[in-house]
Amino acid sequence: MPVEVEMKLAIPDDETANEIFSDAAINEMFWGEPKTTHMLSRYYDTTSGSLSARRWTLRLRREGDRKVVTCKTASVDVVAGLFSRGEWQVYADDVMEGARLLVEEGAPSELLEEIERDGVVERCTIEFDRRAVQLKLPAGVIVDMSVDKGVIKSADRERPLHELELELLFGRPEDLQPISELLVEKYHLQPERLSKYARALELELGRPVDMTGKDVE
Protein backbone atom coordinates (compact mmCIF):
# COMPACT_ATOMS: atom_id res chain seq x y z
CA MET A 1 0.00 0.00 0.00
CA PRO A 2 1.39 3.46 -0.89
CA VAL A 3 1.98 5.39 2.34
CA GLU A 4 2.30 9.13 2.91
CA VAL A 5 4.48 10.26 5.81
CA GLU A 6 4.53 13.99 6.49
CA MET A 7 4.73 16.81 9.01
CA LYS A 8 2.85 20.11 8.75
CA LEU A 9 4.06 23.33 10.36
CA ALA A 10 2.09 26.59 10.54
CA ILE A 11 3.81 29.55 8.85
CA PRO A 12 3.15 32.95 10.54
CA ASP A 13 3.92 35.23 7.58
CA ASP A 14 5.52 35.62 4.14
CA GLU A 15 8.79 36.85 5.63
CA THR A 16 9.29 33.59 7.50
CA ALA A 17 8.52 31.53 4.40
CA ASN A 18 11.04 33.56 2.37
CA GLU A 19 13.69 33.20 5.08
CA ILE A 20 13.29 29.42 5.06
CA PHE A 21 13.76 29.18 1.30
CA SER A 22 16.78 31.51 1.54
CA ASP A 23 18.36 29.73 4.51
CA ALA A 24 21.93 28.78 3.55
CA ALA A 25 21.86 25.49 5.50
CA ILE A 26 18.63 24.43 3.83
CA ASN A 27 19.82 25.60 0.42
CA GLU A 28 22.69 23.14 0.71
CA MET A 29 20.09 20.36 0.78
CA PHE A 30 18.24 21.57 -2.35
CA TRP A 31 17.91 18.83 -4.96
CA GLY A 32 16.73 20.91 -7.89
CA GLU A 33 15.24 24.39 -8.01
CA PRO A 34 12.12 25.56 -6.13
CA LYS A 35 8.97 25.69 -8.24
CA THR A 36 5.65 27.44 -7.60
CA THR A 37 2.38 25.83 -8.77
CA HIS A 38 -1.17 27.11 -8.44
CA MET A 39 -3.52 24.45 -7.07
CA LEU A 40 -7.28 24.17 -6.65
CA SER A 41 -8.52 21.24 -4.56
CA ARG A 42 -12.13 20.06 -4.33
CA TYR A 43 -12.96 17.56 -1.60
CA TYR A 44 -15.82 15.08 -1.91
CA ASP A 45 -17.86 12.74 0.24
CA THR A 46 -20.79 10.44 -0.44
CA THR A 47 -24.24 11.93 0.13
CA SER A 48 -24.49 9.73 3.24
CA GLY A 49 -21.15 10.98 4.60
CA SER A 50 -19.70 7.47 4.61
CA LEU A 51 -16.18 8.50 3.51
CA SER A 52 -15.69 11.05 6.28
CA ALA A 53 -17.20 8.53 8.72
CA ARG A 54 -14.32 6.23 7.75
CA ARG A 55 -11.95 9.22 8.05
CA TRP A 56 -11.08 8.95 4.36
CA THR A 57 -10.34 11.84 2.03
CA LEU A 58 -11.37 11.98 -1.64
CA ARG A 59 -9.92 14.92 -3.54
CA LEU A 60 -9.81 16.26 -7.10
CA ARG A 61 -6.94 18.71 -7.45
CA ARG A 62 -5.93 20.85 -10.40
CA GLU A 63 -2.15 21.16 -10.25
CA GLY A 64 -1.23 23.66 -12.94
CA ASP A 65 -2.50 22.00 -16.12
CA ARG A 66 -3.01 18.54 -14.57
CA LYS A 67 -5.97 17.04 -12.73
CA VAL A 68 -5.18 14.50 -10.00
CA VAL A 69 -7.68 12.44 -8.00
CA THR A 70 -6.43 11.26 -4.61
CA CYS A 71 -7.76 8.97 -1.88
CA LYS A 72 -6.25 9.05 1.61
CA THR A 73 -7.15 6.82 4.54
CA ALA A 74 -7.13 7.78 8.23
CA SER A 75 -3.98 9.34 9.70
CA VAL A 76 -1.85 7.60 12.29
CA ASP A 77 0.69 9.43 14.50
CA VAL A 78 3.85 7.39 13.88
CA VAL A 79 6.76 9.35 15.40
CA ALA A 80 6.69 12.59 17.42
CA GLY A 81 4.00 14.42 15.48
CA LEU A 82 4.72 12.81 12.10
CA PHE A 83 1.64 11.40 10.43
CA SER A 84 1.26 8.41 8.14
CA ARG A 85 -1.72 7.35 6.01
CA GLY A 86 -2.51 5.31 2.95
CA GLU A 87 -2.50 7.37 -0.24
CA TRP A 88 -3.33 6.60 -3.90
CA GLN A 89 -3.23 9.06 -6.81
CA VAL A 90 -4.27 8.92 -10.46
CA TYR A 91 -4.69 11.40 -13.30
CA ALA A 92 -8.39 11.83 -14.11
CA ASP A 93 -10.76 14.57 -15.27
CA ASP A 94 -13.48 13.92 -12.69
CA VAL A 95 -13.89 12.25 -9.33
CA MET A 96 -16.01 9.31 -10.57
CA GLU A 97 -13.47 8.34 -13.22
CA GLY A 98 -10.74 8.84 -10.66
CA ALA A 99 -12.42 6.59 -8.08
CA ARG A 100 -12.57 3.69 -10.55
CA LEU A 101 -8.90 4.13 -11.41
CA LEU A 102 -7.93 4.47 -7.74
CA VAL A 103 -9.48 1.09 -6.90
CA GLU A 104 -7.64 -0.45 -9.85
CA GLU A 105 -4.44 0.98 -8.33
CA GLY A 106 -5.15 -0.69 -4.98
CA ALA A 107 -7.33 1.80 -3.06
CA PRO A 108 -10.03 0.15 -0.89
CA SER A 109 -12.85 -1.30 -3.01
CA GLU A 110 -15.37 0.26 -0.58
CA LEU A 111 -14.45 3.65 -2.04
CA LEU A 112 -16.04 2.88 -5.39
CA GLU A 113 -18.84 0.77 -3.94
CA GLU A 114 -20.06 3.55 -1.68
CA ILE A 115 -19.72 6.24 -4.35
CA GLU A 116 -21.71 4.21 -6.88
CA ARG A 117 -24.36 3.42 -4.26
CA ASP A 118 -24.79 6.90 -2.75
CA GLY A 119 -23.32 9.36 -5.25
CA VAL A 120 -20.89 12.13 -4.34
CA VAL A 121 -21.18 15.71 -3.14
CA GLU A 122 -18.54 18.43 -2.90
CA ARG A 123 -17.73 19.36 0.72
CA CYS A 124 -15.22 22.19 0.33
CA THR A 125 -12.59 23.86 -1.86
CA ILE A 126 -9.03 24.87 -1.05
CA GLU A 127 -7.10 27.16 -3.41
CA PHE A 128 -3.43 27.95 -2.89
CA ASP A 129 0.00 28.50 -4.39
CA ARG A 130 2.58 25.84 -3.54
CA ARG A 131 6.28 26.70 -3.51
CA ALA A 132 8.15 23.40 -3.37
CA VAL A 133 11.61 21.91 -3.61
CA GLN A 134 13.07 18.49 -2.91
CA LEU A 135 15.73 18.16 -0.22
CA LYS A 136 18.46 15.53 -0.27
CA LEU A 137 19.49 14.65 3.28
CA PRO A 138 22.26 12.37 4.56
CA ALA A 139 21.99 8.61 3.87
CA GLY A 140 20.04 9.26 0.69
CA VAL A 141 16.90 10.51 2.45
CA ILE A 142 14.67 12.55 0.10
CA VAL A 143 12.10 15.03 1.46
CA ASP A 144 9.66 17.26 -0.40
CA MET A 145 9.50 20.67 1.31
CA SER A 146 6.65 22.96 0.31
CA VAL A 147 4.94 26.12 1.52
CA ASP A 148 1.24 26.41 0.73
CA LYS A 149 -0.47 29.82 0.88
CA GLY A 150 -4.11 30.36 0.04
CA VAL A 151 -7.62 30.00 1.42
CA ILE A 152 -9.86 27.21 2.72
CA LYS A 153 -13.55 27.59 1.84
CA SER A 154 -16.47 25.62 3.24
CA ALA A 155 -20.13 26.33 4.05
CA ASP A 156 -19.89 29.98 2.93
CA ARG A 157 -17.02 30.51 5.36
CA GLU A 158 -13.31 30.78 4.75
CA ARG A 159 -10.04 30.80 6.63
CA PRO A 160 -6.48 31.54 5.49
CA LEU A 161 -4.02 28.75 4.74
CA HIS A 162 -0.29 29.20 5.26
CA GLU A 163 1.70 26.12 6.14
CA LEU A 164 4.92 24.26 5.49
CA GLU A 165 4.79 20.57 4.63
CA LEU A 166 7.63 18.09 4.88
CA GLU A 167 6.77 14.88 3.04
CA LEU A 168 9.10 11.89 3.16
CA LEU A 169 9.76 10.56 -0.35
CA PHE A 170 12.54 8.12 0.52
CA GLY A 171 13.70 7.00 3.95
CA ARG A 172 12.27 6.06 7.35
CA PRO A 173 9.69 8.13 9.28
CA GLU A 174 12.26 9.09 11.90
CA ASP A 175 14.48 10.53 9.12
CA LEU A 176 12.09 13.53 8.98
CA GLN A 177 12.83 14.53 12.56
CA PRO A 178 16.19 16.35 12.09
CA ILE A 179 14.89 18.73 9.40
CA SER A 180 11.57 19.29 11.17
CA GLU A 181 13.33 20.02 14.48
CA LEU A 182 15.68 22.44 12.72
CA LEU A 183 12.75 24.40 11.27
CA VAL A 184 10.75 24.37 14.51
CA GLU A 185 13.66 25.60 16.62
CA LYS A 186 15.17 28.12 14.20
CA TYR A 187 11.93 29.70 13.01
CA HIS A 188 9.71 29.05 16.05
CA LEU A 189 7.14 27.17 13.98
CA GLN A 190 4.22 25.32 15.53
CA PRO A 191 3.08 21.87 14.38
CA GLU A 192 -0.23 21.87 12.49
CA ARG A 193 -2.01 18.69 13.59
CA LEU A 194 -5.05 19.07 11.33
CA SER A 195 -5.06 18.23 7.64
CA LYS A 196 -6.39 20.83 5.20
CA TYR A 197 -9.58 18.81 4.86
CA ALA A 198 -10.06 18.56 8.63
CA ARG A 199 -9.73 22.33 8.91
CA ALA A 200 -12.35 22.72 6.18
CA LEU A 201 -14.66 20.38 8.11
CA GLU A 202 -14.24 22.61 11.15
CA LEU A 203 -15.57 25.50 9.09
CA GLU A 204 -18.50 23.49 7.79
CA LEU A 205 -19.43 21.87 11.11
CA GLY A 206 -18.76 24.92 13.26
CA ARG A 207 -16.96 22.85 15.89
CA PRO A 208 -13.53 21.26 16.38
CA VAL A 209 -12.48 18.00 14.76
CA ASP A 210 -9.58 15.81 15.75
CA MET A 211 -6.43 15.36 13.66
CA THR A 212 -7.97 12.51 11.68
CA GLY A 213 -11.00 14.55 10.69
CA LYS A 214 -13.40 12.78 13.04
CA ASP A 215 -16.05 14.97 14.63
CA VAL A 216 -15.34 15.96 18.22
CA GLU A 217 -18.50 15.97 20.31
C-alpha atoms as a PDB file:
ATOM      1  CA  MET A   1       0.000   0.000   0.000  1.00  0.00           C
ATOM      2  CA  PRO A   2       1.390   3.463  -0.887  1.00  0.00           C
ATOM      3  CA  VAL A   3       1.977   5.386   2.342  1.00  0.00           C
ATOM      4  CA  GLU A   4       2.299   9.132   2.905  1.00  0.00           C
ATOM      5  CA  VAL A   5       4.484  10.264   5.811  1.00  0.00           C
ATOM      6  CA  GLU A   6       4.531  13.988   6.494  1.00  0.00           C
ATOM      7  CA  MET A   7       4.727  16.805   9.014  1.00  0.00           C
ATOM      8  CA  LYS A   8       2.851  20.106   8.746  1.00  0.00           C
ATOM      9  CA  LEU A   9       4.062  23.330  10.363  1.00  0.00           C
ATOM     10  CA  ALA A  10       2.091  26.586  10.540  1.00  0.00           C
ATOM     11  CA  ILE A  11       3.811  29.554   8.854  1.00  0.00           C
ATOM     12  CA  PRO A  12       3.154  32.947  10.535  1.00  0.00           C
ATOM     13  CA  ASP A  13       3.918  35.234   7.579  1.00  0.00           C
ATOM     14  CA  ASP A  14       5.516  35.620   4.139  1.00  0.00           C
ATOM     15  CA  GLU A  15       8.788  36.848   5.631  1.00  0.00           C
ATOM     16  CA  THR A  16       9.290  33.593   7.505  1.00  0.00           C
ATOM     17  CA  ALA A  17       8.520  31.535   4.400  1.00  0.00           C
ATOM     18  CA  ASN A  18      11.039  33.560   2.368  1.00  0.00           C
ATOM     19  CA  GLU A  19      13.692  33.198   5.081  1.00  0.00           C
ATOM     20  CA  ILE A  20      13.293  29.421   5.063  1.00  0.00           C
ATOM     21  CA  PHE A  21      13.762  29.176   1.303  1.00  0.00           C
ATOM     22  CA  SER A  22      16.779  31.512   1.542  1.00  0.00           C
ATOM     23  CA  ASP A  23      18.365  29.727   4.513  1.00  0.00           C
ATOM     24  CA  ALA A  24      21.930  28.781   3.550  1.00  0.00           C
ATOM     25  CA  ALA A  25      21.865  25.492   5.500  1.00  0.00           C
ATOM     26  CA  ILE A  26      18.626  24.434   3.833  1.00  0.00           C
ATOM     27  CA  ASN A  27      19.819  25.598   0.418  1.00  0.00           C
ATOM     28  CA  GLU A  28      22.691  23.136   0.714  1.00  0.00           C
ATOM     29  CA  MET A  29      20.088  20.359   0.782  1.00  0.00           C
ATOM     30  CA  PHE A  30      18.237  21.566  -2.350  1.00  0.00           C
ATOM     31  CA  TRP A  31      17.909  18.827  -4.962  1.00  0.00           C
ATOM     32  CA  GLY A  32      16.734  20.912  -7.895  1.00  0.00           C
ATOM     33  CA  GLU A  33      15.239  24.392  -8.014  1.00  0.00           C
ATOM     34  CA  PRO A  34      12.124  25.561  -6.135  1.00  0.00           C
ATOM     35  CA  LYS A  35       8.968  25.695  -8.241  1.00  0.00           C
ATOM     36  CA  THR A  36       5.650  27.444  -7.602  1.00  0.00           C
ATOM     37  CA  THR A  37       2.385  25.826  -8.771  1.00  0.00           C
ATOM     38  CA  HIS A  38      -1.173  27.111  -8.435  1.00  0.00           C
ATOM     39  CA  MET A  39      -3.518  24.453  -7.067  1.00  0.00           C
ATOM     40  CA  LEU A  40      -7.283  24.173  -6.651  1.00  0.00           C
ATOM     41  CA  SER A  41      -8.516  21.239  -4.564  1.00  0.00           C
ATOM     42  CA  ARG A  42     -12.127  20.058  -4.335  1.00  0.00           C
ATOM     43  CA  TYR A  43     -12.960  17.557  -1.597  1.00  0.00           C
ATOM     44  CA  TYR A  44     -15.817  15.080  -1.912  1.00  0.00           C
ATOM     45  CA  ASP A  45     -17.864  12.739   0.235  1.00  0.00           C
ATOM     46  CA  THR A  46     -20.792  10.443  -0.445  1.00  0.00           C
ATOM     47  CA  THR A  47     -24.239  11.926   0.128  1.00  0.00           C
ATOM     48  CA  SER A  48     -24.494   9.728   3.238  1.00  0.00           C
ATOM     49  CA  GLY A  49     -21.153  10.982   4.596  1.00  0.00           C
ATOM     50  CA  SER A  50     -19.704   7.474   4.606  1.00  0.00           C
ATOM     51  CA  LEU A  51     -16.182   8.497   3.511  1.00  0.00           C
ATOM     52  CA  SER A  52     -15.692  11.049   6.277  1.00  0.00           C
ATOM     53  CA  ALA A  53     -17.198   8.526   8.724  1.00  0.00           C
ATOM     54  CA  ARG A  54     -14.319   6.227   7.752  1.00  0.00           C
ATOM     55  CA  ARG A  55     -11.953   9.219   8.053  1.00  0.00           C
ATOM     56  CA  TRP A  56     -11.084   8.945   4.365  1.00  0.00           C
ATOM     57  CA  THR A  57     -10.339  11.842   2.033  1.00  0.00           C
ATOM     58  CA  LEU A  58     -11.365  11.981  -1.639  1.00  0.00           C
ATOM     59  CA  ARG A  59      -9.922  14.917  -3.544  1.00  0.00           C
ATOM     60  CA  LEU A  60      -9.811  16.261  -7.098  1.00  0.00           C
ATOM     61  CA  ARG A  61      -6.938  18.706  -7.450  1.00  0.00           C
ATOM     62  CA  ARG A  62      -5.929  20.847 -10.401  1.00  0.00           C
ATOM     63  CA  GLU A  63      -2.153  21.164 -10.253  1.00  0.00           C
ATOM     64  CA  GLY A  64      -1.227  23.659 -12.941  1.00  0.00           C
ATOM     65  CA  ASP A  65      -2.496  21.997 -16.123  1.00  0.00           C
ATOM     66  CA  ARG A  66      -3.011  18.539 -14.567  1.00  0.00           C
ATOM     67  CA  LYS A  67      -5.971  17.040 -12.729  1.00  0.00           C
ATOM     68  CA  VAL A  68      -5.178  14.501  -9.996  1.00  0.00           C
ATOM     69  CA  VAL A  69      -7.678  12.437  -7.997  1.00  0.00           C
ATOM     70  CA  THR A  70      -6.427  11.265  -4.606  1.00  0.00           C
ATOM     71  CA  CYS A  71      -7.759   8.970  -1.885  1.00  0.00           C
ATOM     72  CA  LYS A  72      -6.249   9.046   1.611  1.00  0.00           C
ATOM     73  CA  THR A  73      -7.153   6.816   4.537  1.00  0.00           C
ATOM     74  CA  ALA A  74      -7.128   7.781   8.231  1.00  0.00           C
ATOM     75  CA  SER A  75      -3.980   9.336   9.704  1.00  0.00           C
ATOM     76  CA  VAL A  76      -1.845   7.601  12.294  1.00  0.00           C
ATOM     77  CA  ASP A  77       0.692   9.431  14.497  1.00  0.00           C
ATOM     78  CA  VAL A  78       3.851   7.392  13.885  1.00  0.00           C
ATOM     79  CA  VAL A  79       6.761   9.353  15.397  1.00  0.00           C
ATOM     80  CA  ALA A  80       6.692  12.588  17.421  1.00  0.00           C
ATOM     81  CA  GLY A  81       3.999  14.421  15.479  1.00  0.00           C
ATOM     82  CA  LEU A  82       4.723  12.807  12.099  1.00  0.00           C
ATOM     83  CA  PHE A  83       1.638  11.399  10.425  1.00  0.00           C
ATOM     84  CA  SER A  84       1.259   8.406   8.135  1.00  0.00           C
ATOM     85  CA  ARG A  85      -1.721   7.346   6.013  1.00  0.00           C
ATOM     86  CA  GLY A  86      -2.511   5.306   2.950  1.00  0.00           C
ATOM     87  CA  GLU A  87      -2.504   7.373  -0.238  1.00  0.00           C
ATOM     88  CA  TRP A  88      -3.331   6.603  -3.899  1.00  0.00           C
ATOM     89  CA  GLN A  89      -3.228   9.061  -6.807  1.00  0.00           C
ATOM     90  CA  VAL A  90      -4.273   8.924 -10.457  1.00  0.00           C
ATOM     91  CA  TYR A  91      -4.686  11.399 -13.299  1.00  0.00           C
ATOM     92  CA  ALA A  92      -8.395  11.826 -14.105  1.00  0.00           C
ATOM     93  CA  ASP A  93     -10.759  14.566 -15.273  1.00  0.00           C
ATOM     94  CA  ASP A  94     -13.481  13.915 -12.687  1.00  0.00           C
ATOM     95  CA  VAL A  95     -13.892  12.251  -9.331  1.00  0.00           C
ATOM     96  CA  MET A  96     -16.007   9.313 -10.568  1.00  0.00           C
ATOM     97  CA  GLU A  97     -13.473   8.339 -13.223  1.00  0.00           C
ATOM     98  CA  GLY A  98     -10.739   8.837 -10.663  1.00  0.00           C
ATOM     99  CA  ALA A  99     -12.419   6.595  -8.076  1.00  0.00           C
ATOM    100  CA  ARG A 100     -12.571   3.692 -10.547  1.00  0.00           C
ATOM    101  CA  LEU A 101      -8.897   4.130 -11.407  1.00  0.00           C
ATOM    102  CA  LEU A 102      -7.927   4.467  -7.742  1.00  0.00           C
ATOM    103  CA  VAL A 103      -9.482   1.095  -6.901  1.00  0.00           C
ATOM    104  CA  GLU A 104      -7.636  -0.451  -9.847  1.00  0.00           C
ATOM    105  CA  GLU A 105      -4.442   0.976  -8.333  1.00  0.00           C
ATOM    106  CA  GLY A 106      -5.149  -0.689  -4.981  1.00  0.00           C
ATOM    107  CA  ALA A 107      -7.327   1.796  -3.065  1.00  0.00           C
ATOM    108  CA  PRO A 108     -10.029   0.147  -0.891  1.00  0.00           C
ATOM    109  CA  SER A 109     -12.848  -1.297  -3.009  1.00  0.00           C
ATOM    110  CA  GLU A 110     -15.374   0.256  -0.580  1.00  0.00           C
ATOM    111  CA  LEU A 111     -14.452   3.651  -2.041  1.00  0.00           C
ATOM    112  CA  LEU A 112     -16.036   2.882  -5.390  1.00  0.00           C
ATOM    113  CA  GLU A 113     -18.842   0.767  -3.936  1.00  0.00           C
ATOM    114  CA  GLU A 114     -20.065   3.552  -1.677  1.00  0.00           C
ATOM    115  CA  ILE A 115     -19.721   6.237  -4.353  1.00  0.00           C
ATOM    116  CA  GLU A 116     -21.708   4.206  -6.876  1.00  0.00           C
ATOM    117  CA  ARG A 117     -24.361   3.417  -4.262  1.00  0.00           C
ATOM    118  CA  ASP A 118     -24.787   6.900  -2.748  1.00  0.00           C
ATOM    119  CA  GLY A 119     -23.321   9.358  -5.248  1.00  0.00           C
ATOM    120  CA  VAL A 120     -20.888  12.132  -4.337  1.00  0.00           C
ATOM    121  CA  VAL A 121     -21.180  15.715  -3.136  1.00  0.00           C
ATOM    122  CA  GLU A 122     -18.535  18.432  -2.897  1.00  0.00           C
ATOM    123  CA  ARG A 123     -17.728  19.357   0.719  1.00  0.00           C
ATOM    124  CA  CYS A 124     -15.216  22.195   0.330  1.00  0.00           C
ATOM    125  CA  THR A 125     -12.590  23.857  -1.856  1.00  0.00           C
ATOM    126  CA  ILE A 126      -9.026  24.865  -1.047  1.00  0.00           C
ATOM    127  CA  GLU A 127      -7.095  27.157  -3.406  1.00  0.00           C
ATOM    128  CA  PHE A 128      -3.434  27.948  -2.889  1.00  0.00           C
ATOM    129  CA  ASP A 129      -0.003  28.498  -4.395  1.00  0.00           C
ATOM    130  CA  ARG A 130       2.578  25.842  -3.545  1.00  0.00           C
ATOM    131  CA  ARG A 131       6.276  26.699  -3.511  1.00  0.00           C
ATOM    132  CA  ALA A 132       8.150  23.401  -3.375  1.00  0.00           C
ATOM    133  CA  VAL A 133      11.608  21.915  -3.608  1.00  0.00           C
ATOM    134  CA  GLN A 134      13.066  18.487  -2.905  1.00  0.00           C
ATOM    135  CA  LEU A 135      15.727  18.162  -0.222  1.00  0.00           C
ATOM    136  CA  LYS A 136      18.456  15.533  -0.270  1.00  0.00           C
ATOM    137  CA  LEU A 137      19.493  14.655   3.281  1.00  0.00           C
ATOM    138  CA  PRO A 138      22.263  12.368   4.559  1.00  0.00           C
ATOM    139  CA  ALA A 139      21.994   8.614   3.872  1.00  0.00           C
ATOM    140  CA  GLY A 140      20.039   9.256   0.693  1.00  0.00           C
ATOM    141  CA  VAL A 141      16.900  10.509   2.446  1.00  0.00           C
ATOM    142  CA  ILE A 142      14.671  12.549   0.103  1.00  0.00           C
ATOM    143  CA  VAL A 143      12.099  15.028   1.459  1.00  0.00           C
ATOM    144  CA  ASP A 144       9.661  17.263  -0.402  1.00  0.00           C
ATOM    145  CA  MET A 145       9.499  20.675   1.313  1.00  0.00           C
ATOM    146  CA  SER A 146       6.650  22.964   0.310  1.00  0.00           C
ATOM    147  CA  VAL A 147       4.945  26.121   1.524  1.00  0.00           C
ATOM    148  CA  ASP A 148       1.237  26.410   0.734  1.00  0.00           C
ATOM    149  CA  LYS A 149      -0.473  29.818   0.885  1.00  0.00           C
ATOM    150  CA  GLY A 150      -4.114  30.361   0.039  1.00  0.00           C
ATOM    151  CA  VAL A 151      -7.618  30.000   1.419  1.00  0.00           C
ATOM    152  CA  ILE A 152      -9.865  27.208   2.716  1.00  0.00           C
ATOM    153  CA  LYS A 153     -13.554  27.594   1.838  1.00  0.00           C
ATOM    154  CA  SER A 154     -16.469  25.623   3.243  1.00  0.00           C
ATOM    155  CA  ALA A 155     -20.133  26.333   4.054  1.00  0.00           C
ATOM    156  CA  ASP A 156     -19.886  29.979   2.926  1.00  0.00           C
ATOM    157  CA  ARG A 157     -17.025  30.506   5.361  1.00  0.00           C
ATOM    158  CA  GLU A 158     -13.306  30.779   4.746  1.00  0.00           C
ATOM    159  CA  ARG A 159     -10.035  30.798   6.626  1.00  0.00           C
ATOM    160  CA  PRO A 160      -6.477  31.538   5.488  1.00  0.00           C
ATOM    161  CA  LEU A 161      -4.025  28.749   4.736  1.00  0.00           C
ATOM    162  CA  HIS A 162      -0.290  29.199   5.260  1.00  0.00           C
ATOM    163  CA  GLU A 163       1.701  26.115   6.138  1.00  0.00           C
ATOM    164  CA  LEU A 164       4.920  24.260   5.491  1.00  0.00           C
ATOM    165  CA  GLU A 165       4.789  20.569   4.633  1.00  0.00           C
ATOM    166  CA  LEU A 166       7.632  18.090   4.876  1.00  0.00           C
ATOM    167  CA  GLU A 167       6.775  14.877   3.037  1.00  0.00           C
ATOM    168  CA  LEU A 168       9.102  11.893   3.164  1.00  0.00           C
ATOM    169  CA  LEU A 169       9.765  10.556  -0.348  1.00  0.00           C
ATOM    170  CA  PHE A 170      12.542   8.116   0.522  1.00  0.00           C
ATOM    171  CA  GLY A 171      13.704   6.997   3.947  1.00  0.00           C
ATOM    172  CA  ARG A 172      12.269   6.057   7.351  1.00  0.00           C
ATOM    173  CA  PRO A 173       9.687   8.130   9.276  1.00  0.00           C
ATOM    174  CA  GLU A 174      12.260   9.091  11.899  1.00  0.00           C
ATOM    175  CA  ASP A 175      14.475  10.532   9.123  1.00  0.00           C
ATOM    176  CA  LEU A 176      12.094  13.525   8.980  1.00  0.00           C
ATOM    177  CA  GLN A 177      12.831  14.528  12.558  1.00  0.00           C
ATOM    178  CA  PRO A 178      16.187  16.352  12.091  1.00  0.00           C
ATOM    179  CA  ILE A 179      14.894  18.726   9.401  1.00  0.00           C
ATOM    180  CA  SER A 180      11.568  19.289  11.171  1.00  0.00           C
ATOM    181  CA  GLU A 181      13.326  20.017  14.480  1.00  0.00           C
ATOM    182  CA  LEU A 182      15.682  22.438  12.717  1.00  0.00           C
ATOM    183  CA  LEU A 183      12.745  24.403  11.272  1.00  0.00           C
ATOM    184  CA  VAL A 184      10.747  24.375  14.507  1.00  0.00           C
ATOM    185  CA  GLU A 185      13.663  25.596  16.622  1.00  0.00           C
ATOM    186  CA  LYS A 186      15.172  28.116  14.204  1.00  0.00           C
ATOM    187  CA  TYR A 187      11.929  29.704  13.007  1.00  0.00           C
ATOM    188  CA  HIS A 188       9.709  29.052  16.050  1.00  0.00           C
ATOM    189  CA  LEU A 189       7.140  27.171  13.977  1.00  0.00           C
ATOM    190  CA  GLN A 190       4.223  25.320  15.525  1.00  0.00           C
ATOM    191  CA  PRO A 191       3.077  21.866  14.381  1.00  0.00           C
ATOM    192  CA  GLU A 192      -0.228  21.868  12.493  1.00  0.00           C
ATOM    193  CA  ARG A 193      -2.006  18.692  13.591  1.00  0.00           C
ATOM    194  CA  LEU A 194      -5.052  19.070  11.327  1.00  0.00           C
ATOM    195  CA  SER A 195      -5.061  18.230   7.635  1.00  0.00           C
ATOM    196  CA  LYS A 196      -6.386  20.829   5.197  1.00  0.00           C
ATOM    197  CA  TYR A 197      -9.582  18.812   4.862  1.00  0.00           C
ATOM    198  CA  ALA A 198     -10.056  18.558   8.631  1.00  0.00           C
ATOM    199  CA  ARG A 199      -9.735  22.334   8.905  1.00  0.00           C
ATOM    200  CA  ALA A 200     -12.355  22.715   6.176  1.00  0.00           C
ATOM    201  CA  LEU A 201     -14.655  20.377   8.113  1.00  0.00           C
ATOM    202  CA  GLU A 202     -14.245  22.607  11.152  1.00  0.00           C
ATOM    203  CA  LEU A 203     -15.575  25.503   9.086  1.00  0.00           C
ATOM    204  CA  GLU A 204     -18.503  23.485   7.792  1.00  0.00           C
ATOM    205  CA  LEU A 205     -19.429  21.874  11.114  1.00  0.00           C
ATOM    206  CA  GLY A 206     -18.760  24.916  13.258  1.00  0.00           C
ATOM    207  CA  ARG A 207     -16.959  22.848  15.886  1.00  0.00           C
ATOM    208  CA  PRO A 208     -13.532  21.257  16.381  1.00  0.00           C
ATOM    209  CA  VAL A 209     -12.484  18.005  14.756  1.00  0.00           C
ATOM    210  CA  ASP A 210      -9.582  15.808  15.746  1.00  0.00           C
ATOM    211  CA  MET A 211      -6.433  15.362  13.656  1.00  0.00           C
ATOM    212  CA  THR A 212      -7.971  12.505  11.675  1.00  0.00           C
ATOM    213  CA  GLY A 213     -11.003  14.549  10.688  1.00  0.00           C
ATOM    214  CA  LYS A 214     -13.398  12.776  13.036  1.00  0.00           C
ATOM    215  CA  ASP A 215     -16.054  14.974  14.633  1.00  0.00           C
ATOM    216  CA  VAL A 216     -15.340  15.962  18.224  1.00  0.00           C
ATOM    217  CA  GLU A 217     -18.504  15.970  20.315  1.00  0.00           C
END
